[in-house]
Amino acid sequence: LVGDVSGSRTVNAVDISAVKARANP
């Protein structure tokens, strides 16, 4: 599931926030 960075089996606001918080490193 592309975009499921939290491993929760769902792509949701948590994943979006996690990626935003790490943008550019």
mmCIF file of all heavy atoms, coordinates in Angstrom:
data_MODEL
# 
_entry.id   MODEL 
# 
loop_
_atom_site.group_PDB 
_atom_site.id 
_atom_site.type_symbol 
_atom_site.label_atom_id 
_atom_site.label_alt_id 
_atom_site.label_comp_id 
_atom_site.label_asym_id 
_atom_site.label_entity_id 
_atom_site.label_seq_id 
_atom_site.pdbx_PDB_ins_code 
_atom_site.Cartn_x 
_atom_site.Cartn_y 
_atom_site.Cartn_z 
_atom_site.occupancy 
_atom_site.B_iso_or_equiv 
_atom_site.pdbx_formal_charge 
_atom_site.auth_seq_id 
_atom_site.auth_comp_id 
_atom_site.auth_asym_id 
_atom_site.auth_atom_id 
_atom_site.pdbx_PDB_model_num 
ATOM 1   N N   . LEU A 1 1  ? 0.866  -1.172 0.000  1.00 0.00 ? 1  LEU A N   1 
ATOM 2   C CA  . LEU A 1 1  ? 0.000  0.000  0.000  1.00 0.00 ? 1  LEU A CA  1 
ATOM 3   C C   . LEU A 1 1  ? 0.903  1.221  0.000  1.00 0.00 ? 1  LEU A C   1 
ATOM 4   O O   . LEU A 1 1  ? 1.440  1.615  1.035  1.00 0.00 ? 1  LEU A O   1 
ATOM 5   C CB  . LEU A 1 1  ? -0.918 -0.009 1.222  1.00 0.00 ? 1  LEU A CB  1 
ATOM 6   C CG  . LEU A 1 1  ? -1.981 1.073  1.292  1.00 0.00 ? 1  LEU A CG  1 
ATOM 7   C CD1 . LEU A 1 1  ? -2.885 1.037  0.065  1.00 0.00 ? 1  LEU A CD1 1 
ATOM 8   C CD2 . LEU A 1 1  ? -2.813 0.930  2.552  1.00 0.00 ? 1  LEU A CD2 1 
ATOM 9   N N   . VAL A 1 2  ? 1.135  1.785  -1.171 1.00 0.00 ? 2  VAL A N   1 
ATOM 10  C CA  . VAL A 1 2  ? 2.018  2.932  -1.290 1.00 0.00 ? 2  VAL A CA  1 
ATOM 11  C C   . VAL A 1 2  ? 1.460  4.076  -0.460 1.00 0.00 ? 2  VAL A C   1 
ATOM 12  O O   . VAL A 1 2  ? 0.283  4.391  -0.528 1.00 0.00 ? 2  VAL A O   1 
ATOM 13  C CB  . VAL A 1 2  ? 2.167  3.356  -2.767 1.00 0.00 ? 2  VAL A CB  1 
ATOM 14  C CG1 . VAL A 1 2  ? 2.960  4.650  -2.888 1.00 0.00 ? 2  VAL A CG1 1 
ATOM 15  C CG2 . VAL A 1 2  ? 2.844  2.253  -3.555 1.00 0.00 ? 2  VAL A CG2 1 
ATOM 16  N N   . GLY A 1 3  ? 2.304  4.663  0.356  1.00 0.00 ? 3  GLY A N   1 
ATOM 17  C CA  . GLY A 1 3  ? 1.901  5.782  1.193  1.00 0.00 ? 3  GLY A CA  1 
ATOM 18  C C   . GLY A 1 3  ? 1.548  5.396  2.610  1.00 0.00 ? 3  GLY A C   1 
ATOM 19  O O   . GLY A 1 3  ? 1.330  6.258  3.443  1.00 0.00 ? 3  GLY A O   1 
ATOM 20  N N   . ASP A 1 4  ? 1.508  4.107  2.934  1.00 0.00 ? 4  ASP A N   1 
ATOM 21  C CA  . ASP A 1 4  ? 1.200  3.669  4.298  1.00 0.00 ? 4  ASP A CA  1 
ATOM 22  C C   . ASP A 1 4  ? 2.482  3.667  5.122  1.00 0.00 ? 4  ASP A C   1 
ATOM 23  O O   . ASP A 1 4  ? 3.033  2.630  5.443  1.00 0.00 ? 4  ASP A O   1 
ATOM 24  C CB  . ASP A 1 4  ? 0.568  2.275  4.274  1.00 0.00 ? 4  ASP A CB  1 
ATOM 25  C CG  . ASP A 1 4  ? 0.205  1.773  5.665  1.00 0.00 ? 4  ASP A CG  1 
ATOM 26  O OD1 . ASP A 1 4  ? 0.092  2.606  6.589  1.00 0.00 ? 4  ASP A OD1 1 
ATOM 27  O OD2 . ASP A 1 4  ? 0.056  0.548  5.827  1.00 0.00 ? 4  ASP A OD2 1 
ATOM 28  N N   . VAL A 1 5  ? 2.959  4.848  5.471  1.00 0.00 ? 5  VAL A N   1 
ATOM 29  C CA  . VAL A 1 5  ? 4.242  4.941  6.170  1.00 0.00 ? 5  VAL A CA  1 
ATOM 30  C C   . VAL A 1 5  ? 4.153  4.518  7.630  1.00 0.00 ? 5  VAL A C   1 
ATOM 31  O O   . VAL A 1 5  ? 5.153  4.170  8.244  1.00 0.00 ? 5  VAL A O   1 
ATOM 32  C CB  . VAL A 1 5  ? 4.852  6.355  6.052  1.00 0.00 ? 5  VAL A CB  1 
ATOM 33  C CG1 . VAL A 1 5  ? 5.146  6.682  4.607  1.00 0.00 ? 5  VAL A CG1 1 
ATOM 34  C CG2 . VAL A 1 5  ? 3.959  7.413  6.670  1.00 0.00 ? 5  VAL A CG2 1 
ATOM 35  N N   . SER A 1 6  ? 2.954  4.520  8.205  1.00 0.00 ? 6  SER A N   1 
ATOM 36  C CA  . SER A 1 6  ? 2.804  4.118  9.602  1.00 0.00 ? 6  SER A CA  1 
ATOM 37  C C   . SER A 1 6  ? 2.608  2.618  9.759  1.00 0.00 ? 6  SER A C   1 
ATOM 38  O O   . SER A 1 6  ? 2.639  2.096  10.864 1.00 0.00 ? 6  SER A O   1 
ATOM 39  C CB  . SER A 1 6  ? 1.615  4.852  10.245 1.00 0.00 ? 6  SER A CB  1 
ATOM 40  O OG  . SER A 1 6  ? 0.408  4.420  9.636  1.00 0.00 ? 6  SER A OG  1 
ATOM 41  N N   . GLY A 1 7  ? 2.383  1.915  8.645  1.00 0.00 ? 7  GLY A N   1 
ATOM 42  C CA  . GLY A 1 7  ? 2.172  0.469  8.708  1.00 0.00 ? 7  GLY A CA  1 
ATOM 43  C C   . GLY A 1 7  ? 0.825  0.066  9.258  1.00 0.00 ? 7  GLY A C   1 
ATOM 44  O O   . GLY A 1 7  ? 0.636  -1.052 9.729  1.00 0.00 ? 7  GLY A O   1 
ATOM 45  N N   . SER A 1 8  ? -0.154 0.942  9.190  1.00 0.00 ? 8  SER A N   1 
ATOM 46  C CA  . SER A 1 8  ? -1.474 0.680  9.761  1.00 0.00 ? 8  SER A CA  1 
ATOM 47  C C   . SER A 1 8  ? -2.423 -0.012 8.784  1.00 0.00 ? 8  SER A C   1 
ATOM 48  O O   . SER A 1 8  ? -3.558 -0.283 9.123  1.00 0.00 ? 8  SER A O   1 
ATOM 49  C CB  . SER A 1 8  ? -2.114 1.993  10.203 1.00 0.00 ? 8  SER A CB  1 
ATOM 50  O OG  . SER A 1 8  ? -2.389 2.793  9.063  1.00 0.00 ? 8  SER A OG  1 
ATOM 51  N N   . ARG A 1 9  ? -1.977 -0.269 7.569  1.00 0.00 ? 9  ARG A N   1 
ATOM 52  C CA  . ARG A 1 9  ? -2.766 -0.872 6.500  1.00 0.00 ? 9  ARG A CA  1 
ATOM 53  C C   . ARG A 1 9  ? -3.822 0.071  5.940  1.00 0.00 ? 9  ARG A C   1 
ATOM 54  O O   . ARG A 1 9  ? -4.713 -0.336 5.216  1.00 0.00 ? 9  ARG A O   1 
ATOM 55  C CB  . ARG A 1 9  ? -3.402 -2.197 6.933  1.00 0.00 ? 9  ARG A CB  1 
ATOM 56  C CG  . ARG A 1 9  ? -2.364 -3.252 7.268  1.00 0.00 ? 9  ARG A CG  1 
ATOM 57  C CD  . ARG A 1 9  ? -2.985 -4.459 7.900  1.00 0.00 ? 9  ARG A CD  1 
ATOM 58  N NE  . ARG A 1 9  ? -4.084 -4.999 7.137  1.00 0.00 ? 9  ARG A NE  1 
ATOM 59  C CZ  . ARG A 1 9  ? -4.123 -6.200 6.603  1.00 0.00 ? 9  ARG A CZ  1 
ATOM 60  N NH1 . ARG A 1 9  ? -3.103 -7.000 6.739  1.00 0.00 ? 9  ARG A NH1 1 
ATOM 61  N NH2 . ARG A 1 9  ? -5.178 -6.630 5.951  1.00 0.00 ? 9  ARG A NH2 1 
ATOM 62  N N   . THR A 1 10 ? -3.718 1.349  6.287  1.00 0.00 ? 10 THR A N   1 
ATOM 63  C CA  . THR A 1 10 ? -4.609 2.376  5.769  1.00 0.00 ? 10 THR A CA  1 
ATOM 64  C C   . THR A 1 10 ? -3.787 3.628  5.489  1.00 0.00 ? 10 THR A C   1 
ATOM 65  O O   . THR A 1 10 ? -2.903 3.968  6.272  1.00 0.00 ? 10 THR A O   1 
ATOM 66  C CB  . THR A 1 10 ? -5.695 2.730  6.806  1.00 0.00 ? 10 THR A CB  1 
ATOM 67  O OG1 . THR A 1 10 ? -6.408 1.555  7.156  1.00 0.00 ? 10 THR A OG1 1 
ATOM 68  C CG2 . THR A 1 10 ? -6.660 3.762  6.275  1.00 0.00 ? 10 THR A CG2 1 
ATOM 69  N N   . VAL A 1 11 ? -4.058 4.308  4.382  1.00 0.00 ? 11 VAL A N   1 
ATOM 70  C CA  . VAL A 1 11 ? -3.415 5.591  4.118  1.00 0.00 ? 11 VAL A CA  1 
ATOM 71  C C   . VAL A 1 11 ? -4.366 6.673  4.590  1.00 0.00 ? 11 VAL A C   1 
ATOM 72  O O   . VAL A 1 11 ? -5.483 6.784  4.111  1.00 0.00 ? 11 VAL A O   1 
ATOM 73  C CB  . VAL A 1 11 ? -3.088 5.760  2.623  1.00 0.00 ? 11 VAL A CB  1 
ATOM 74  C CG1 . VAL A 1 11 ? -2.429 7.116  2.379  1.00 0.00 ? 11 VAL A CG1 1 
ATOM 75  C CG2 . VAL A 1 11 ? -2.176 4.640  2.150  1.00 0.00 ? 11 VAL A CG2 1 
ATOM 76  N N   . ASN A 1 12 ? -3.907 7.442  5.578  1.00 0.00 ? 12 ASN A N   1 
ATOM 77  C CA  . ASN A 1 12 ? -4.783 8.442  6.167  1.00 0.00 ? 12 ASN A CA  1 
ATOM 78  C C   . ASN A 1 12 ? -3.992 9.677  6.570  1.00 0.00 ? 12 ASN A C   1 
ATOM 79  O O   . ASN A 1 12 ? -2.822 9.821  6.216  1.00 0.00 ? 12 ASN A O   1 
ATOM 80  C CB  . ASN A 1 12 ? -5.536 7.839  7.358  1.00 0.00 ? 12 ASN A CB  1 
ATOM 81  C CG  . ASN A 1 12 ? -4.587 7.244  8.384  1.00 0.00 ? 12 ASN A CG  1 
ATOM 82  O OD1 . ASN A 1 12 ? -3.459 7.685  8.532  1.00 0.00 ? 12 ASN A OD1 1 
ATOM 83  N ND2 . ASN A 1 12 ? -5.060 6.225  9.089  1.00 0.00 ? 12 ASN A ND2 1 
ATOM 84  N N   . ALA A 1 13 ? -4.615 10.562 7.339  1.00 0.00 ? 13 ALA A N   1 
ATOM 85  C CA  . ALA A 1 13 ? -3.987 11.817 7.741  1.00 0.00 ? 13 ALA A CA  1 
ATOM 86  C C   . ALA A 1 13 ? -2.707 11.598 8.537  1.00 0.00 ? 13 ALA A C   1 
ATOM 87  O O   . ALA A 1 13 ? -1.787 12.419 8.476  1.00 0.00 ? 13 ALA A O   1 
ATOM 88  C CB  . ALA A 1 13 ? -4.983 12.653 8.547  1.00 0.00 ? 13 ALA A CB  1 
ATOM 89  N N   . VAL A 1 14 ? -2.622 10.507 9.295  1.00 0.00 ? 14 VAL A N   1 
ATOM 90  C CA  . VAL A 1 14 ? -1.409 10.217 10.061 1.00 0.00 ? 14 VAL A CA  1 
ATOM 91  C C   . VAL A 1 14 ? -0.223 10.051 9.116  1.00 0.00 ? 14 VAL A C   1 
ATOM 92  O O   . VAL A 1 14 ? 0.870  10.577 9.365  1.00 0.00 ? 14 VAL A O   1 
ATOM 93  C CB  . VAL A 1 14 ? -1.597 8.949  10.934 1.00 0.00 ? 14 VAL A CB  1 
ATOM 94  C CG1 . VAL A 1 14 ? -0.291 8.530  11.579 1.00 0.00 ? 14 VAL A CG1 1 
ATOM 95  C CG2 . VAL A 1 14 ? -2.679 9.191  11.979 1.00 0.00 ? 14 VAL A CG2 1 
ATOM 96  N N   . ASP A 1 15 ? -0.425 9.331  8.015  1.00 0.00 ? 15 ASP A N   1 
ATOM 97  C CA  . ASP A 1 15 ? 0.649  9.132  7.040  1.00 0.00 ? 15 ASP A CA  1 
ATOM 98  C C   . ASP A 1 15 ? 1.034  10.452 6.372  1.00 0.00 ? 15 ASP A C   1 
ATOM 99  O O   . ASP A 1 15 ? 2.212  10.737 6.182  1.00 0.00 ? 15 ASP A O   1 
ATOM 100 C CB  . ASP A 1 15 ? 0.214  8.118  5.983  1.00 0.00 ? 15 ASP A CB  1 
ATOM 101 C CG  . ASP A 1 15 ? -0.107 6.770  6.595  1.00 0.00 ? 15 ASP A CG  1 
ATOM 102 O OD1 . ASP A 1 15 ? 0.785  6.164  7.207  1.00 0.00 ? 15 ASP A OD1 1 
ATOM 103 O OD2 . ASP A 1 15 ? -1.264 6.337  6.472  1.00 0.00 ? 15 ASP A OD2 1 
ATOM 104 N N   . ILE A 1 16 ? 0.034  11.230 6.022  1.00 0.00 ? 16 ILE A N   1 
ATOM 105 C CA  . ILE A 1 16 ? 0.309  12.513 5.378  1.00 0.00 ? 16 ILE A CA  1 
ATOM 106 C C   . ILE A 1 16 ? 1.104  13.407 6.320  1.00 0.00 ? 16 ILE A C   1 
ATOM 107 O O   . ILE A 1 16 ? 2.108  14.002 5.929  1.00 0.00 ? 16 ILE A O   1 
ATOM 108 C CB  . ILE A 1 16 ? -1.003 13.188 4.933  1.00 0.00 ? 16 ILE A CB  1 
ATOM 109 C CG1 . ILE A 1 16 ? -1.653 12.363 3.812  1.00 0.00 ? 16 ILE A CG1 1 
ATOM 110 C CG2 . ILE A 1 16 ? -0.752 14.621 4.473  1.00 0.00 ? 16 ILE A CG2 1 
ATOM 111 C CD1 . ILE A 1 16 ? -3.067 12.763 3.490  1.00 0.00 ? 16 ILE A CD1 1 
ATOM 112 N N   . SER A 1 17 ? 0.709  13.472 7.579  1.00 0.00 ? 17 SER A N   1 
ATOM 113 C CA  . SER A 1 17 ? 1.427  14.288 8.562  1.00 0.00 ? 17 SER A CA  1 
ATOM 114 C C   . SER A 1 17 ? 2.851  13.788 8.772  1.00 0.00 ? 17 SER A C   1 
ATOM 115 O O   . SER A 1 17 ? 3.790  14.582 8.895  1.00 0.00 ? 17 SER A O   1 
ATOM 116 C CB  . SER A 1 17 ? 0.684  14.285 9.898  1.00 0.00 ? 17 SER A CB  1 
ATOM 117 O OG  . SER A 1 17 ? -0.569 14.902 9.756  1.00 0.00 ? 17 SER A OG  1 
ATOM 118 N N   . ALA A 1 18 ? 3.017  12.475 8.819  1.00 0.00 ? 18 ALA A N   1 
ATOM 119 C CA  . ALA A 1 18 ? 4.349  11.908 9.025  1.00 0.00 ? 18 ALA A CA  1 
ATOM 120 C C   . ALA A 1 18 ? 5.291  12.263 7.887  1.00 0.00 ? 18 ALA A C   1 
ATOM 121 O O   . ALA A 1 18 ? 6.446  12.611 8.111  1.00 0.00 ? 18 ALA A O   1 
ATOM 122 C CB  . ALA A 1 18 ? 4.267  10.391 9.178  1.00 0.00 ? 18 ALA A CB  1 
ATOM 123 N N   . VAL A 1 19 ? 4.794  12.199 6.662  1.00 0.00 ? 19 VAL A N   1 
ATOM 124 C CA  . VAL A 1 19 ? 5.638  12.552 5.520  1.00 0.00 ? 19 VAL A CA  1 
ATOM 125 C C   . VAL A 1 19 ? 5.919  14.045 5.516  1.00 0.00 ? 19 VAL A C   1 
ATOM 126 O O   . VAL A 1 19 ? 7.052  14.472 5.306  1.00 0.00 ? 19 VAL A O   1 
ATOM 127 C CB  . VAL A 1 19 ? 4.992  12.091 4.196  1.00 0.00 ? 19 VAL A CB  1 
ATOM 128 C CG1 . VAL A 1 19 ? 5.794  12.594 3.001  1.00 0.00 ? 19 VAL A CG1 1 
ATOM 129 C CG2 . VAL A 1 19 ? 4.918  10.576 4.148  1.00 0.00 ? 19 VAL A CG2 1 
ATOM 130 N N   . LYS A 1 20 ? 4.914  14.873 5.780  1.00 0.00 ? 20 LYS A N   1 
ATOM 131 C CA  . LYS A 1 20 ? 5.124  16.319 5.820  1.00 0.00 ? 20 LYS A CA  1 
ATOM 132 C C   . LYS A 1 20 ? 6.168  16.696 6.868  1.00 0.00 ? 20 LYS A C   1 
ATOM 133 O O   . LYS A 1 20 ? 7.012  17.552 6.645  1.00 0.00 ? 20 LYS A O   1 
ATOM 134 C CB  . LYS A 1 20 ? 3.813  17.044 6.144  1.00 0.00 ? 20 LYS A CB  1 
ATOM 135 C CG  . LYS A 1 20 ? 2.902  17.229 4.967  1.00 0.00 ? 20 LYS A CG  1 
ATOM 136 C CD  . LYS A 1 20 ? 1.693  18.059 5.397  1.00 0.00 ? 20 LYS A CD  1 
ATOM 137 C CE  . LYS A 1 20 ? 0.788  18.349 4.240  1.00 0.00 ? 20 LYS A CE  1 
ATOM 138 N NZ  . LYS A 1 20 ? -0.402 19.110 4.640  1.00 0.00 ? 20 LYS A NZ  1 
ATOM 139 N N   . ALA A 1 21 ? 6.103  16.053 8.031  1.00 0.00 ? 21 ALA A N   1 
ATOM 140 C CA  . ALA A 1 21 ? 7.027  16.373 9.118  1.00 0.00 ? 21 ALA A CA  1 
ATOM 141 C C   . ALA A 1 21 ? 8.467  16.034 8.758  1.00 0.00 ? 21 ALA A C   1 
ATOM 142 O O   . ALA A 1 21 ? 9.405  16.565 9.348  1.00 0.00 ? 21 ALA A O   1 
ATOM 143 C CB  . ALA A 1 21 ? 6.622  15.624 10.387 1.00 0.00 ? 21 ALA A CB  1 
ATOM 144 N N   . ARG A 1 22 ? 8.647  15.138 7.803  1.00 0.00 ? 22 ARG A N   1 
ATOM 145 C CA  . ARG A 1 22 ? 9.993  14.717 7.425  1.00 0.00 ? 22 ARG A CA  1 
ATOM 146 C C   . ARG A 1 22 ? 10.404 15.247 6.053  1.00 0.00 ? 22 ARG A C   1 
ATOM 147 O O   . ARG A 1 22 ? 11.383 14.791 5.491  1.00 0.00 ? 22 ARG A O   1 
ATOM 148 C CB  . ARG A 1 22 ? 10.057 13.192 7.441  1.00 0.00 ? 22 ARG A CB  1 
ATOM 149 C CG  . ARG A 1 22 ? 9.975  12.637 8.838  1.00 0.00 ? 22 ARG A CG  1 
ATOM 150 C CD  . ARG A 1 22 ? 9.696  11.146 8.831  1.00 0.00 ? 22 ARG A CD  1 
ATOM 151 N NE  . ARG A 1 22 ? 9.712  10.595 10.171 1.00 0.00 ? 22 ARG A NE  1 
ATOM 152 C CZ  . ARG A 1 22 ? 8.710  10.658 11.025 1.00 0.00 ? 22 ARG A CZ  1 
ATOM 153 N NH1 . ARG A 1 22 ? 7.592  11.270 10.695 1.00 0.00 ? 22 ARG A NH1 1 
ATOM 154 N NH2 . ARG A 1 22 ? 8.809  10.126 12.224 1.00 0.00 ? 22 ARG A NH2 1 
ATOM 155 N N   . ALA A 1 23 ? 9.645  16.189 5.522  1.00 0.00 ? 23 ALA A N   1 
ATOM 156 C CA  . ALA A 1 23 ? 9.928  16.682 4.174  1.00 0.00 ? 23 ALA A CA  1 
ATOM 157 C C   . ALA A 1 23 ? 11.321 17.296 4.092  1.00 0.00 ? 23 ALA A C   1 
ATOM 158 O O   . ALA A 1 23 ? 11.735 18.070 4.953  1.00 0.00 ? 23 ALA A O   1 
ATOM 159 C CB  . ALA A 1 23 ? 8.877  17.702 3.755  1.00 0.00 ? 23 ALA A CB  1 
ATOM 160 N N   . ASN A 1 24 ? 12.044 16.880 3.070  1.00 0.00 ? 24 ASN A N   1 
ATOM 161 C CA  . ASN A 1 24 ? 13.360 17.362 2.671  1.00 0.00 ? 24 ASN A CA  1 
ATOM 162 C C   . ASN A 1 24 ? 14.569 16.756 3.378  1.00 0.00 ? 24 ASN A C   1 
ATOM 163 O O   . ASN A 1 24 ? 15.683 17.055 2.984  1.00 0.00 ? 24 ASN A O   1 
ATOM 164 C CB  . ASN A 1 24 ? 13.448 18.881 2.710  1.00 0.00 ? 24 ASN A CB  1 
ATOM 165 C CG  . ASN A 1 24 ? 12.552 19.501 1.669  1.00 0.00 ? 24 ASN A CG  1 
ATOM 166 O OD1 . ASN A 1 24 ? 12.479 19.013 0.547  1.00 0.00 ? 24 ASN A OD1 1 
ATOM 167 N ND2 . ASN A 1 24 ? 11.854 20.554 2.024  1.00 0.00 ? 24 ASN A ND2 1 
ATOM 168 N N   . PRO A 1 25 ? 14.456 15.881 4.375  1.00 0.00 ? 25 PRO A N   1 
ATOM 169 C CA  . PRO A 1 25 ? 15.701 15.309 4.913  1.00 0.00 ? 25 PRO A CA  1 
ATOM 170 C C   . PRO A 1 25 ? 16.251 14.232 3.983  1.00 0.00 ? 25 PRO A C   1 
ATOM 171 O O   . PRO A 1 25 ? 15.551 13.716 3.116  1.00 0.00 ? 25 PRO A O   1 
ATOM 172 C CB  . PRO A 1 25 ? 15.265 14.687 6.237  1.00 0.00 ? 25 PRO A CB  1 
ATOM 173 C CG  . PRO A 1 25 ? 13.844 14.323 6.022  1.00 0.00 ? 25 PRO A CG  1 
ATOM 174 C CD  . PRO A 1 25 ? 13.292 15.408 5.126  1.00 0.00 ? 25 PRO A CD  1 
# 
